[in-house]
N, C-alpha and C. Protein backbone atom coordinates (compact mmCIF):
# COMPACT_ATOMS: atom_id res chain seq x y z
N MET A 1 -14.31 30.42 5.03
CA MET A 1 -13.60 29.76 3.94
C MET A 1 -13.00 28.43 4.40
N ALA A 2 -12.45 28.44 5.63
CA ALA A 2 -11.84 27.23 6.17
C ALA A 2 -12.87 26.13 6.34
N LEU A 3 -14.06 26.49 6.84
CA LEU A 3 -15.12 25.51 7.04
C LEU A 3 -15.60 24.95 5.70
N ARG A 4 -15.70 25.82 4.71
CA ARG A 4 -16.14 25.38 3.39
C ARG A 4 -15.13 24.41 2.78
N GLU A 5 -13.86 24.72 2.93
CA GLU A 5 -12.82 23.85 2.40
C GLU A 5 -12.81 22.51 3.14
N GLU A 6 -13.02 22.56 4.44
CA GLU A 6 -13.08 21.32 5.23
C GLU A 6 -14.24 20.45 4.79
N LYS A 7 -15.38 21.07 4.54
CA LYS A 7 -16.56 20.33 4.08
C LYS A 7 -16.29 19.70 2.72
N LYS A 8 -15.61 20.44 1.86
CA LYS A 8 -15.28 19.91 0.54
C LYS A 8 -14.37 18.69 0.65
N LEU A 9 -13.38 18.77 1.53
CA LEU A 9 -12.47 17.65 1.73
C LEU A 9 -13.20 16.44 2.31
N GLN A 10 -14.15 16.69 3.21
CA GLN A 10 -14.93 15.60 3.80
C GLN A 10 -15.77 14.89 2.74
N THR A 11 -16.37 15.68 1.85
CA THR A 11 -17.18 15.09 0.79
C THR A 11 -16.32 14.31 -0.19
N ARG A 12 -15.17 14.85 -0.50
CA ARG A 12 -14.23 14.16 -1.39
C ARG A 12 -13.82 12.82 -0.78
N GLN A 13 -13.54 12.83 0.53
CA GLN A 13 -13.18 11.59 1.21
C GLN A 13 -14.35 10.62 1.23
N ALA A 14 -15.57 11.14 1.37
CA ALA A 14 -16.76 10.30 1.37
C ALA A 14 -16.90 9.56 0.04
N LEU A 15 -16.59 10.22 -1.06
CA LEU A 15 -16.63 9.57 -2.37
C LEU A 15 -15.58 8.47 -2.46
N MET A 16 -14.40 8.74 -1.95
CA MET A 16 -13.35 7.72 -1.96
C MET A 16 -13.73 6.53 -1.09
N ASP A 17 -14.28 6.81 0.09
CA ASP A 17 -14.72 5.74 0.98
C ASP A 17 -15.85 4.93 0.35
N ALA A 18 -16.74 5.61 -0.36
CA ALA A 18 -17.85 4.93 -1.02
C ALA A 18 -17.34 3.95 -2.07
N ALA A 19 -16.37 4.39 -2.86
CA ALA A 19 -15.80 3.50 -3.88
C ALA A 19 -15.12 2.30 -3.23
N LEU A 20 -14.38 2.53 -2.17
CA LEU A 20 -13.70 1.43 -1.47
C LEU A 20 -14.71 0.43 -0.90
N THR A 21 -15.79 0.95 -0.33
CA THR A 21 -16.82 0.08 0.24
C THR A 21 -17.47 -0.78 -0.83
N LEU A 22 -17.81 -0.17 -1.96
CA LEU A 22 -18.44 -0.92 -3.05
C LEU A 22 -17.49 -1.99 -3.59
N MET A 23 -16.21 -1.67 -3.68
CA MET A 23 -15.25 -2.67 -4.15
C MET A 23 -15.09 -3.79 -3.13
N HIS A 24 -15.12 -3.43 -1.86
CA HIS A 24 -15.01 -4.44 -0.81
C HIS A 24 -16.20 -5.41 -0.86
N GLU A 25 -17.34 -4.91 -1.30
CA GLU A 25 -18.54 -5.74 -1.38
C GLU A 25 -18.56 -6.61 -2.63
N GLY A 26 -17.55 -6.48 -3.47
CA GLY A 26 -17.44 -7.41 -4.58
C GLY A 26 -17.14 -6.83 -5.94
N ALA A 27 -17.33 -5.54 -6.13
CA ALA A 27 -17.11 -4.95 -7.44
C ALA A 27 -15.65 -4.56 -7.62
N GLY A 28 -15.11 -4.79 -8.82
CA GLY A 28 -13.81 -4.24 -9.14
C GLY A 28 -13.98 -2.77 -9.50
N PHE A 29 -12.91 -2.02 -9.52
CA PHE A 29 -13.05 -0.60 -9.81
C PHE A 29 -13.66 -0.38 -11.20
N SER A 30 -13.28 -1.22 -12.16
CA SER A 30 -13.82 -1.08 -13.51
C SER A 30 -15.33 -1.30 -13.56
N GLY A 31 -15.86 -2.00 -12.56
CA GLY A 31 -17.29 -2.28 -12.53
C GLY A 31 -18.12 -1.23 -11.83
N LEU A 32 -17.47 -0.21 -11.27
CA LEU A 32 -18.20 0.85 -10.57
C LEU A 32 -18.81 1.84 -11.55
N SER A 33 -19.91 2.43 -11.15
CA SER A 33 -20.50 3.52 -11.93
C SER A 33 -20.48 4.79 -11.10
N LEU A 34 -20.41 5.91 -11.78
CA LEU A 34 -20.41 7.20 -11.10
C LEU A 34 -21.67 7.37 -10.26
N ARG A 35 -22.78 6.88 -10.79
CA ARG A 35 -24.06 7.04 -10.10
C ARG A 35 -24.07 6.28 -8.77
N GLU A 36 -23.59 5.02 -8.77
CA GLU A 36 -23.66 4.23 -7.53
C GLU A 36 -22.65 4.73 -6.50
N VAL A 37 -21.50 5.21 -6.96
CA VAL A 37 -20.53 5.78 -6.02
C VAL A 37 -21.11 7.03 -5.36
N SER A 38 -21.75 7.88 -6.17
CA SER A 38 -22.36 9.10 -5.63
C SER A 38 -23.46 8.75 -4.64
N ARG A 39 -24.29 7.79 -5.00
CA ARG A 39 -25.39 7.39 -4.11
C ARG A 39 -24.85 6.84 -2.80
N GLN A 40 -23.81 6.01 -2.86
CA GLN A 40 -23.21 5.45 -1.66
C GLN A 40 -22.66 6.55 -0.75
N ALA A 41 -22.19 7.64 -1.36
CA ALA A 41 -21.63 8.76 -0.60
C ALA A 41 -22.69 9.76 -0.15
N GLY A 42 -23.95 9.52 -0.55
CA GLY A 42 -25.03 10.43 -0.16
C GLY A 42 -25.11 11.67 -1.02
N LEU A 43 -24.64 11.58 -2.27
CA LEU A 43 -24.66 12.72 -3.19
C LEU A 43 -25.50 12.41 -4.42
N VAL A 44 -25.96 13.45 -5.08
CA VAL A 44 -26.55 13.28 -6.40
C VAL A 44 -25.38 13.16 -7.38
N PRO A 45 -25.59 12.50 -8.53
CA PRO A 45 -24.48 12.30 -9.47
C PRO A 45 -23.76 13.58 -9.89
N THR A 46 -24.51 14.67 -10.05
CA THR A 46 -23.85 15.92 -10.47
C THR A 46 -22.88 16.43 -9.40
N GLY A 47 -23.13 16.05 -8.14
CA GLY A 47 -22.24 16.48 -7.07
C GLY A 47 -20.86 15.86 -7.18
N PHE A 48 -20.78 14.71 -7.86
CA PHE A 48 -19.49 14.03 -8.03
C PHE A 48 -18.50 14.93 -8.75
N TYR A 49 -18.99 15.66 -9.76
CA TYR A 49 -18.09 16.44 -10.62
C TYR A 49 -17.50 17.66 -9.92
N ARG A 50 -17.99 17.99 -8.76
CA ARG A 50 -17.37 19.08 -8.01
C ARG A 50 -16.05 18.64 -7.38
N HIS A 51 -15.82 17.34 -7.38
CA HIS A 51 -14.64 16.80 -6.70
C HIS A 51 -13.70 16.03 -7.63
N PHE A 52 -14.28 15.36 -8.63
CA PHE A 52 -13.47 14.60 -9.58
C PHE A 52 -14.06 14.77 -10.98
N PRO A 53 -13.22 14.90 -12.01
CA PRO A 53 -13.75 15.04 -13.37
C PRO A 53 -14.37 13.76 -13.91
N ASP A 54 -13.90 12.62 -13.42
CA ASP A 54 -14.43 11.33 -13.86
C ASP A 54 -13.99 10.25 -12.87
N LEU A 55 -14.45 9.02 -13.12
CA LEU A 55 -14.12 7.92 -12.22
C LEU A 55 -12.63 7.59 -12.24
N ASP A 56 -12.00 7.74 -13.40
CA ASP A 56 -10.56 7.46 -13.46
C ASP A 56 -9.78 8.36 -12.51
N ALA A 57 -10.19 9.63 -12.43
CA ALA A 57 -9.52 10.57 -11.52
C ALA A 57 -9.70 10.13 -10.07
N LEU A 58 -10.89 9.62 -9.75
CA LEU A 58 -11.13 9.08 -8.41
C LEU A 58 -10.22 7.88 -8.16
N GLY A 59 -10.11 7.00 -9.15
CA GLY A 59 -9.24 5.84 -9.02
C GLY A 59 -7.79 6.21 -8.82
N GLU A 60 -7.34 7.24 -9.55
CA GLU A 60 -5.96 7.69 -9.39
C GLU A 60 -5.72 8.24 -7.99
N GLU A 61 -6.70 8.96 -7.46
CA GLU A 61 -6.57 9.50 -6.10
C GLU A 61 -6.54 8.36 -5.07
N LEU A 62 -7.35 7.33 -5.30
CA LEU A 62 -7.34 6.16 -4.43
C LEU A 62 -5.97 5.47 -4.47
N ALA A 63 -5.39 5.40 -5.66
CA ALA A 63 -4.08 4.77 -5.80
C ALA A 63 -3.01 5.54 -5.03
N VAL A 64 -3.06 6.86 -5.11
CA VAL A 64 -2.10 7.69 -4.38
C VAL A 64 -2.26 7.48 -2.88
N GLU A 65 -3.51 7.46 -2.41
CA GLU A 65 -3.76 7.30 -0.97
C GLU A 65 -3.40 5.89 -0.50
N ALA A 66 -3.67 4.89 -1.33
CA ALA A 66 -3.31 3.51 -0.96
C ALA A 66 -1.81 3.37 -0.79
N CYS A 67 -1.05 3.99 -1.68
CA CYS A 67 0.41 3.94 -1.56
C CYS A 67 0.89 4.75 -0.36
N ARG A 68 0.17 5.81 -0.03
CA ARG A 68 0.52 6.57 1.18
C ARG A 68 0.33 5.70 2.41
N GLN A 69 -0.76 4.92 2.43
CA GLN A 69 -0.99 4.01 3.55
C GLN A 69 0.14 2.97 3.64
N LEU A 70 0.60 2.50 2.48
CA LEU A 70 1.71 1.55 2.48
C LEU A 70 2.97 2.19 3.05
N ARG A 71 3.19 3.46 2.73
CA ARG A 71 4.32 4.18 3.29
C ARG A 71 4.23 4.24 4.82
N VAL A 72 3.02 4.48 5.32
CA VAL A 72 2.81 4.54 6.77
C VAL A 72 3.19 3.21 7.41
N VAL A 73 2.76 2.11 6.78
CA VAL A 73 3.07 0.78 7.30
C VAL A 73 4.58 0.56 7.34
N MET A 74 5.22 0.84 6.23
CA MET A 74 6.65 0.57 6.15
C MET A 74 7.45 1.48 7.07
N ARG A 75 6.98 2.70 7.26
CA ARG A 75 7.66 3.61 8.18
C ARG A 75 7.59 3.05 9.60
N GLN A 76 6.42 2.49 9.94
CA GLN A 76 6.25 1.90 11.27
C GLN A 76 7.20 0.72 11.46
N VAL A 77 7.30 -0.12 10.44
CA VAL A 77 8.19 -1.28 10.52
C VAL A 77 9.65 -0.84 10.62
N ARG A 78 10.04 0.16 9.83
CA ARG A 78 11.43 0.62 9.85
C ARG A 78 11.80 1.20 11.20
N LYS A 79 10.87 1.94 11.81
CA LYS A 79 11.16 2.51 13.12
C LYS A 79 11.38 1.42 14.15
N LYS A 80 10.56 0.38 14.09
CA LYS A 80 10.72 -0.72 15.03
C LYS A 80 12.05 -1.44 14.81
N ALA A 81 12.37 -1.66 13.53
CA ALA A 81 13.61 -2.37 13.22
C ALA A 81 14.83 -1.56 13.65
N GLN A 82 14.80 -0.25 13.39
CA GLN A 82 15.92 0.60 13.78
C GLN A 82 16.02 0.72 15.29
N GLY A 83 14.89 0.51 15.98
CA GLY A 83 14.90 0.57 17.43
C GLY A 83 15.32 -0.74 18.07
N GLY A 84 15.64 -1.73 17.24
CA GLY A 84 16.15 -2.99 17.76
C GLY A 84 15.08 -4.07 17.90
N ALA A 85 13.87 -3.81 17.45
CA ALA A 85 12.82 -4.81 17.55
C ALA A 85 13.11 -5.99 16.63
N ALA A 86 12.71 -7.17 17.05
CA ALA A 86 12.88 -8.35 16.23
C ALA A 86 11.96 -8.27 15.02
N ILE A 87 12.31 -9.03 13.96
CA ILE A 87 11.49 -9.02 12.76
C ILE A 87 10.08 -9.48 13.08
N THR A 88 9.94 -10.47 13.96
CA THR A 88 8.60 -10.97 14.32
C THR A 88 7.74 -9.86 14.90
N GLU A 89 8.31 -9.05 15.78
CA GLU A 89 7.56 -7.95 16.38
C GLU A 89 7.16 -6.93 15.31
N SER A 90 8.06 -6.66 14.39
CA SER A 90 7.77 -5.71 13.32
C SER A 90 6.65 -6.22 12.43
N VAL A 91 6.70 -7.51 12.08
CA VAL A 91 5.67 -8.09 11.22
C VAL A 91 4.33 -8.12 11.94
N THR A 92 4.33 -8.41 13.24
CA THR A 92 3.09 -8.40 14.02
C THR A 92 2.44 -7.02 13.98
N ALA A 93 3.24 -5.98 14.12
CA ALA A 93 2.72 -4.61 14.03
C ALA A 93 2.18 -4.33 12.64
N LEU A 94 2.85 -4.86 11.63
CA LEU A 94 2.42 -4.70 10.25
C LEU A 94 1.07 -5.36 10.02
N VAL A 95 0.92 -6.57 10.52
CA VAL A 95 -0.35 -7.30 10.39
C VAL A 95 -1.49 -6.54 11.05
N GLU A 96 -1.24 -6.02 12.24
CA GLU A 96 -2.27 -5.27 12.95
C GLU A 96 -2.69 -4.03 12.16
N PHE A 97 -1.73 -3.35 11.56
CA PHE A 97 -2.05 -2.16 10.78
C PHE A 97 -2.91 -2.52 9.57
N ILE A 98 -2.53 -3.57 8.85
CA ILE A 98 -3.30 -3.98 7.67
C ILE A 98 -4.70 -4.41 8.08
N ARG A 99 -4.81 -5.15 9.19
CA ARG A 99 -6.12 -5.60 9.64
C ARG A 99 -7.05 -4.42 9.98
N HIS A 100 -6.48 -3.35 10.51
CA HIS A 100 -7.29 -2.20 10.90
C HIS A 100 -7.49 -1.20 9.76
N ASN A 101 -6.78 -1.39 8.65
CA ASN A 101 -6.91 -0.49 7.50
C ASN A 101 -6.99 -1.32 6.21
N PRO A 102 -7.99 -2.21 6.11
CA PRO A 102 -7.97 -3.19 5.02
C PRO A 102 -8.34 -2.65 3.64
N LEU A 103 -9.19 -1.63 3.56
CA LEU A 103 -9.77 -1.27 2.27
C LEU A 103 -8.76 -0.74 1.27
N TYR A 104 -7.85 0.12 1.74
CA TYR A 104 -6.85 0.64 0.81
C TYR A 104 -5.89 -0.45 0.34
N PHE A 105 -5.55 -1.37 1.24
CA PHE A 105 -4.66 -2.46 0.85
C PHE A 105 -5.36 -3.41 -0.11
N GLU A 106 -6.65 -3.61 0.10
CA GLU A 106 -7.44 -4.43 -0.82
C GLU A 106 -7.46 -3.79 -2.21
N PHE A 107 -7.66 -2.48 -2.24
CA PHE A 107 -7.66 -1.75 -3.52
C PHE A 107 -6.31 -1.91 -4.21
N LEU A 108 -5.24 -1.69 -3.48
CA LEU A 108 -3.90 -1.75 -4.05
C LEU A 108 -3.59 -3.13 -4.60
N ALA A 109 -3.94 -4.15 -3.83
CA ALA A 109 -3.64 -5.52 -4.24
C ALA A 109 -4.44 -5.93 -5.48
N ARG A 110 -5.71 -5.51 -5.55
CA ARG A 110 -6.57 -5.93 -6.65
C ARG A 110 -6.33 -5.12 -7.92
N GLU A 111 -6.18 -3.82 -7.77
CA GLU A 111 -6.12 -2.95 -8.94
C GLU A 111 -4.71 -2.80 -9.50
N ARG A 112 -3.71 -3.25 -8.76
CA ARG A 112 -2.33 -3.14 -9.22
C ARG A 112 -2.14 -3.85 -10.56
N ALA A 113 -2.82 -4.97 -10.74
CA ALA A 113 -2.70 -5.72 -11.99
C ALA A 113 -3.98 -5.71 -12.81
N GLY A 114 -5.13 -5.55 -12.15
CA GLY A 114 -6.39 -5.69 -12.86
C GLY A 114 -7.20 -4.43 -13.04
N GLY A 115 -6.67 -3.29 -12.61
CA GLY A 115 -7.43 -2.05 -12.71
C GLY A 115 -7.36 -1.41 -14.08
N PRO A 116 -8.09 -0.31 -14.28
CA PRO A 116 -8.02 0.44 -15.55
C PRO A 116 -6.59 0.94 -15.79
N PRO A 117 -6.22 1.17 -17.05
CA PRO A 117 -4.84 1.58 -17.36
C PRO A 117 -4.34 2.78 -16.56
N LYS A 118 -5.15 3.83 -16.42
CA LYS A 118 -4.69 5.02 -15.69
C LYS A 118 -4.44 4.72 -14.22
N VAL A 119 -5.29 3.87 -13.65
CA VAL A 119 -5.13 3.50 -12.24
C VAL A 119 -3.87 2.65 -12.06
N ARG A 120 -3.68 1.68 -12.96
CA ARG A 120 -2.47 0.84 -12.88
C ARG A 120 -1.22 1.68 -13.03
N GLU A 121 -1.25 2.62 -13.97
CA GLU A 121 -0.09 3.48 -14.19
C GLU A 121 0.24 4.31 -12.95
N THR A 122 -0.81 4.84 -12.31
CA THR A 122 -0.60 5.63 -11.10
C THR A 122 -0.02 4.77 -9.99
N ILE A 123 -0.56 3.56 -9.82
CA ILE A 123 -0.04 2.65 -8.80
C ILE A 123 1.43 2.33 -9.07
N HIS A 124 1.75 2.01 -10.31
CA HIS A 124 3.13 1.65 -10.63
C HIS A 124 4.08 2.83 -10.42
N THR A 125 3.63 4.03 -10.78
CA THR A 125 4.46 5.22 -10.56
C THR A 125 4.70 5.45 -9.08
N GLN A 126 3.63 5.35 -8.29
CA GLN A 126 3.74 5.54 -6.85
C GLN A 126 4.63 4.48 -6.22
N MET A 127 4.50 3.24 -6.70
CA MET A 127 5.30 2.15 -6.14
C MET A 127 6.78 2.34 -6.47
N ARG A 128 7.08 2.78 -7.68
CA ARG A 128 8.48 3.03 -8.04
C ARG A 128 9.09 4.11 -7.15
N GLN A 129 8.31 5.17 -6.92
CA GLN A 129 8.79 6.24 -6.04
C GLN A 129 9.01 5.72 -4.62
N PHE A 130 8.08 4.88 -4.17
CA PHE A 130 8.17 4.35 -2.82
C PHE A 130 9.39 3.44 -2.66
N VAL A 131 9.62 2.58 -3.65
CA VAL A 131 10.78 1.69 -3.61
C VAL A 131 12.07 2.51 -3.57
N ALA A 132 12.12 3.59 -4.34
CA ALA A 132 13.30 4.45 -4.34
C ALA A 132 13.52 5.09 -2.97
N GLU A 133 12.42 5.53 -2.34
CA GLU A 133 12.52 6.13 -1.00
C GLU A 133 12.99 5.10 0.03
N LEU A 134 12.44 3.89 -0.07
CA LEU A 134 12.83 2.83 0.87
C LEU A 134 14.31 2.47 0.68
N ALA A 135 14.76 2.44 -0.56
CA ALA A 135 16.17 2.14 -0.83
C ALA A 135 17.07 3.20 -0.20
N GLU A 136 16.66 4.46 -0.27
CA GLU A 136 17.45 5.54 0.35
C GLU A 136 17.49 5.37 1.87
N ASP A 137 16.35 4.98 2.44
CA ASP A 137 16.31 4.76 3.89
C ASP A 137 17.22 3.59 4.30
N LEU A 138 17.18 2.52 3.51
CA LEU A 138 18.00 1.35 3.83
C LEU A 138 19.49 1.68 3.79
N GLN A 139 19.85 2.61 2.92
CA GLN A 139 21.26 2.97 2.81
C GLN A 139 21.79 3.63 4.08
N GLN A 140 20.87 4.13 4.91
CA GLN A 140 21.29 4.75 6.18
C GLN A 140 21.62 3.70 7.24
N TRP A 141 21.20 2.45 7.00
CA TRP A 141 21.50 1.38 7.95
C TRP A 141 22.98 1.00 7.79
N PRO A 142 23.70 0.82 8.88
CA PRO A 142 25.14 0.52 8.80
C PRO A 142 25.49 -0.66 7.90
N ILE A 143 24.68 -1.72 7.91
CA ILE A 143 25.03 -2.91 7.12
C ILE A 143 24.85 -2.69 5.63
N TYR A 144 24.11 -1.64 5.25
CA TYR A 144 23.87 -1.40 3.83
C TYR A 144 24.54 -0.13 3.31
N THR A 145 25.38 0.48 4.12
CA THR A 145 25.99 1.76 3.73
C THR A 145 26.76 1.67 2.42
N ASP A 146 27.46 0.57 2.21
CA ASP A 146 28.32 0.43 1.02
C ASP A 146 27.63 -0.29 -0.13
N PHE A 147 26.33 -0.56 0.01
CA PHE A 147 25.62 -1.26 -1.05
C PHE A 147 25.45 -0.35 -2.27
N PRO A 148 25.62 -0.88 -3.49
CA PRO A 148 25.31 -0.11 -4.69
C PRO A 148 23.83 0.27 -4.72
N ARG A 149 23.52 1.40 -5.32
CA ARG A 149 22.14 1.89 -5.36
C ARG A 149 21.19 0.90 -6.02
N ASP A 150 21.63 0.29 -7.13
CA ASP A 150 20.76 -0.66 -7.83
C ASP A 150 20.43 -1.87 -6.96
N ASP A 151 21.41 -2.33 -6.18
CA ASP A 151 21.17 -3.47 -5.30
C ASP A 151 20.21 -3.12 -4.17
N LEU A 152 20.34 -1.91 -3.66
CA LEU A 152 19.40 -1.45 -2.62
C LEU A 152 17.99 -1.35 -3.17
N ALA A 153 17.87 -0.93 -4.43
CA ALA A 153 16.55 -0.84 -5.06
C ALA A 153 15.93 -2.23 -5.18
N MET A 154 16.75 -3.24 -5.54
CA MET A 154 16.25 -4.61 -5.61
C MET A 154 15.80 -5.11 -4.24
N LEU A 155 16.60 -4.80 -3.22
CA LEU A 155 16.25 -5.20 -1.86
C LEU A 155 14.94 -4.55 -1.42
N ALA A 156 14.81 -3.26 -1.68
CA ALA A 156 13.59 -2.55 -1.32
C ALA A 156 12.38 -3.12 -2.05
N ASP A 157 12.56 -3.47 -3.32
CA ASP A 157 11.47 -4.04 -4.11
C ASP A 157 11.02 -5.38 -3.54
N LEU A 158 11.97 -6.20 -3.11
CA LEU A 158 11.64 -7.49 -2.51
C LEU A 158 10.85 -7.30 -1.22
N VAL A 159 11.25 -6.34 -0.40
CA VAL A 159 10.55 -6.08 0.86
C VAL A 159 9.13 -5.61 0.60
N VAL A 160 8.97 -4.67 -0.33
CA VAL A 160 7.64 -4.14 -0.64
C VAL A 160 6.73 -5.24 -1.19
N ASN A 161 7.24 -6.07 -2.08
CA ASN A 161 6.43 -7.14 -2.64
C ASN A 161 6.03 -8.16 -1.58
N THR A 162 6.91 -8.40 -0.62
CA THR A 162 6.58 -9.30 0.48
C THR A 162 5.43 -8.74 1.31
N VAL A 163 5.46 -7.43 1.54
CA VAL A 163 4.38 -6.78 2.30
C VAL A 163 3.06 -6.87 1.53
N ILE A 164 3.10 -6.66 0.23
CA ILE A 164 1.88 -6.72 -0.58
C ILE A 164 1.31 -8.14 -0.57
N HIS A 165 2.17 -9.14 -0.68
CA HIS A 165 1.69 -10.52 -0.62
C HIS A 165 1.11 -10.84 0.76
N LEU A 166 1.70 -10.30 1.80
CA LEU A 166 1.14 -10.48 3.14
C LEU A 166 -0.26 -9.88 3.20
N ALA A 167 -0.42 -8.68 2.66
CA ALA A 167 -1.74 -8.04 2.65
C ALA A 167 -2.75 -8.89 1.89
N LEU A 168 -2.35 -9.44 0.75
CA LEU A 168 -3.24 -10.30 -0.03
C LEU A 168 -3.68 -11.51 0.78
N ASP A 169 -2.73 -12.14 1.46
CA ASP A 169 -3.06 -13.31 2.28
C ASP A 169 -4.01 -12.95 3.41
N LEU A 170 -3.76 -11.83 4.07
CA LEU A 170 -4.61 -11.42 5.18
C LEU A 170 -6.02 -11.09 4.71
N LEU A 171 -6.12 -10.41 3.58
CA LEU A 171 -7.43 -9.99 3.07
C LEU A 171 -8.25 -11.17 2.59
N ALA A 172 -7.59 -12.28 2.29
CA ALA A 172 -8.30 -13.47 1.84
C ALA A 172 -8.85 -14.29 3.01
N LEU A 173 -8.45 -13.91 4.24
CA LEU A 173 -8.86 -14.65 5.43
C LEU A 173 -9.80 -13.82 6.30
N PRO A 174 -10.74 -14.47 6.99
CA PRO A 174 -11.61 -13.73 7.92
C PRO A 174 -10.80 -13.07 9.02
N TYR A 175 -11.30 -11.96 9.51
CA TYR A 175 -10.59 -11.21 10.55
C TYR A 175 -10.39 -12.03 11.81
N VAL A 176 -11.32 -12.96 12.08
CA VAL A 176 -11.28 -13.70 13.35
C VAL A 176 -10.20 -14.78 13.34
N GLU A 177 -9.68 -15.13 12.18
CA GLU A 177 -8.68 -16.20 12.12
C GLU A 177 -7.38 -15.77 12.77
N ASP A 178 -6.69 -16.75 13.29
CA ASP A 178 -5.39 -16.50 13.90
C ASP A 178 -4.39 -16.13 12.81
N ASP A 179 -3.68 -15.03 13.02
CA ASP A 179 -2.72 -14.57 12.03
C ASP A 179 -1.31 -15.10 12.27
N ALA A 180 -1.16 -16.01 13.23
CA ALA A 180 0.17 -16.48 13.60
C ALA A 180 0.91 -17.11 12.42
N GLU A 181 0.19 -17.86 11.60
CA GLU A 181 0.83 -18.52 10.46
C GLU A 181 1.37 -17.50 9.47
N GLN A 182 0.57 -16.44 9.21
CA GLN A 182 1.02 -15.40 8.28
C GLN A 182 2.21 -14.63 8.84
N VAL A 183 2.17 -14.38 10.15
CA VAL A 183 3.29 -13.68 10.80
C VAL A 183 4.56 -14.51 10.68
N LEU A 184 4.45 -15.80 10.95
CA LEU A 184 5.62 -16.69 10.91
C LEU A 184 6.20 -16.76 9.50
N ARG A 185 5.32 -16.96 8.51
CA ARG A 185 5.80 -17.09 7.14
C ARG A 185 6.46 -15.80 6.64
N THR A 186 5.82 -14.66 6.93
CA THR A 186 6.38 -13.38 6.48
C THR A 186 7.68 -13.07 7.20
N THR A 187 7.76 -13.42 8.48
CA THR A 187 9.00 -13.24 9.23
C THR A 187 10.14 -14.03 8.58
N LYS A 188 9.85 -15.27 8.21
CA LYS A 188 10.87 -16.10 7.55
C LYS A 188 11.28 -15.50 6.21
N GLN A 189 10.29 -15.03 5.46
CA GLN A 189 10.59 -14.44 4.15
C GLN A 189 11.49 -13.22 4.28
N LEU A 190 11.14 -12.33 5.21
CA LEU A 190 11.94 -11.12 5.40
C LEU A 190 13.33 -11.45 5.94
N ARG A 191 13.39 -12.45 6.81
CA ARG A 191 14.70 -12.84 7.35
C ARG A 191 15.60 -13.38 6.23
N LEU A 192 15.00 -14.20 5.35
CA LEU A 192 15.77 -14.72 4.22
C LEU A 192 16.24 -13.59 3.30
N ILE A 193 15.37 -12.62 3.07
CA ILE A 193 15.74 -11.48 2.22
C ILE A 193 16.90 -10.71 2.84
N MET A 194 16.79 -10.41 4.13
CA MET A 194 17.83 -9.62 4.80
C MET A 194 19.15 -10.39 4.90
N LEU A 195 19.06 -11.69 5.23
CA LEU A 195 20.28 -12.49 5.32
C LEU A 195 20.93 -12.63 3.95
N GLY A 196 20.09 -12.83 2.93
CA GLY A 196 20.62 -12.94 1.58
C GLY A 196 21.29 -11.65 1.13
N ALA A 197 20.67 -10.52 1.48
CA ALA A 197 21.26 -9.22 1.11
C ALA A 197 22.58 -9.01 1.83
N HIS A 198 22.63 -9.42 3.09
CA HIS A 198 23.85 -9.23 3.88
C HIS A 198 25.01 -10.04 3.30
N ALA A 199 24.67 -11.22 2.73
CA ALA A 199 25.71 -12.09 2.17
C ALA A 199 26.00 -11.78 0.70
N TRP A 200 25.22 -10.90 0.12
CA TRP A 200 25.34 -10.61 -1.31
C TRP A 200 26.65 -9.88 -1.61
N LYS A 201 27.37 -10.39 -2.61
CA LYS A 201 28.62 -9.77 -3.06
C LYS A 201 28.44 -9.37 -4.53
N PRO A 202 28.02 -8.14 -4.77
CA PRO A 202 27.77 -7.73 -6.16
C PRO A 202 29.04 -7.76 -6.99
N GLU A 203 28.89 -8.25 -8.22
CA GLU A 203 30.03 -8.30 -9.13
C GLU A 203 30.06 -7.04 -9.98
N LYS A 204 31.21 -6.53 -10.23
CA LYS A 204 31.34 -5.35 -11.07
C LYS A 204 30.90 -5.69 -12.48
N GLY A 205 30.05 -4.83 -13.01
CA GLY A 205 29.56 -5.03 -14.37
C GLY A 205 28.41 -5.99 -14.45
N ALA A 206 27.95 -6.55 -13.29
CA ALA A 206 26.85 -7.51 -13.30
C ALA A 206 25.53 -6.78 -13.43
């Protein structure tokens, strides 16, 4: 039973990888067909339905996994920051992670605004949950302990959007290009966000 379940999970992942590969080659998710995704994964079209009821369900699963990858990235950055690493070092680690895991970030960046309604809704739901989790984590930092929850949510949203824009910039450039410019710009952006948050004095009723 365990082997059968493992095989099923592998095939399910193969379908997800196939969709990501086809999108990387130029197709948007809306332009994919069930037949070509199945063929790319080495399956007959009827085999697709053993894993997903339709393409939208596949897209929703991709959205969930893409946001999980984003969580992994941000967790890595937070650990470095809490360990005393400079922002530049944290951003460098972030760039390396995105470079080595480009397809999910490409999916997230492209389909967040241009994907089918169900996929966009899933991405937005996942992102809201992620921002809320990041805000809770930030509240554990000494400098943000007394921050109002709404302000922490705004701070978390700014950080997440900065990371997404970094991913977009990286994905638009060949892998061989020097990433120093992107690291420098993102470091400055995050530093401005953090310094601005530190100086922020929320007004009651604002």
